[in-house]
Amino acid sequence: MKLHNRGSLVYMFFSVQVVFDQNICNILFASYRNQQGDFCL
């Protein structure tokens, strides 16, 4: 049970981290996205 819970927490952490990183990327490169396309995958 501990391993399962830990795995779920790690999965949640990485999921949130990915969304957070995408938002930061969109903010940082907002001015460039209009000119050269979307840098954020």
Protein backbone atom coordinates (compact mmCIF):
# COMPACT_ATOMS: atom_id res chain seq x y z
CA MET A 1 0.00 0.00 0.00
CA LYS A 2 2.83 2.39 0.79
CA LEU A 3 4.45 1.79 -2.59
CA HIS A 4 1.13 2.31 -4.35
CA ASN A 5 0.45 5.54 -2.46
CA ARG A 6 3.95 6.80 -3.11
CA GLY A 7 3.62 5.98 -6.81
CA SER A 8 0.35 7.89 -6.96
CA LEU A 9 1.89 10.91 -5.25
CA VAL A 10 4.86 10.86 -7.62
CA TYR A 11 2.49 10.59 -10.59
CA MET A 12 0.44 13.52 -9.30
CA PHE A 13 3.59 15.56 -8.68
CA PHE A 14 4.92 15.02 -12.19
CA SER A 15 1.49 15.69 -13.72
CA VAL A 16 1.23 19.01 -11.88
CA GLN A 17 4.85 19.82 -12.70
CA VAL A 18 4.26 19.27 -16.43
CA VAL A 19 1.20 21.54 -16.43
CA PHE A 20 3.08 24.16 -14.41
CA ASP A 21 6.08 24.03 -16.76
CA GLN A 22 3.80 24.41 -19.80
CA ASN A 23 2.15 27.47 -18.28
CA ILE A 24 5.51 29.08 -17.46
CA CYS A 25 6.77 28.30 -20.95
CA ASN A 26 3.67 29.89 -22.50
CA ILE A 27 4.14 33.01 -20.39
CA LEU A 28 7.89 33.35 -21.02
CA PHE A 29 7.64 32.80 -24.77
CA ALA A 30 4.29 34.48 -25.40
CA SER A 31 5.88 37.21 -27.51
CA TYR A 32 7.86 34.70 -29.57
CA ARG A 33 5.00 32.26 -30.16
CA ASN A 34 3.18 34.74 -32.40
CA GLN A 35 6.25 35.15 -34.61
CA GLN A 36 7.90 31.73 -34.70
CA GLY A 37 5.18 29.35 -33.54
CA ASP A 38 4.62 27.45 -30.32
CA PHE A 39 7.81 26.54 -28.42
CA CYS A 40 5.84 24.75 -25.71
CA LEU A 41 5.14 21.10 -26.47
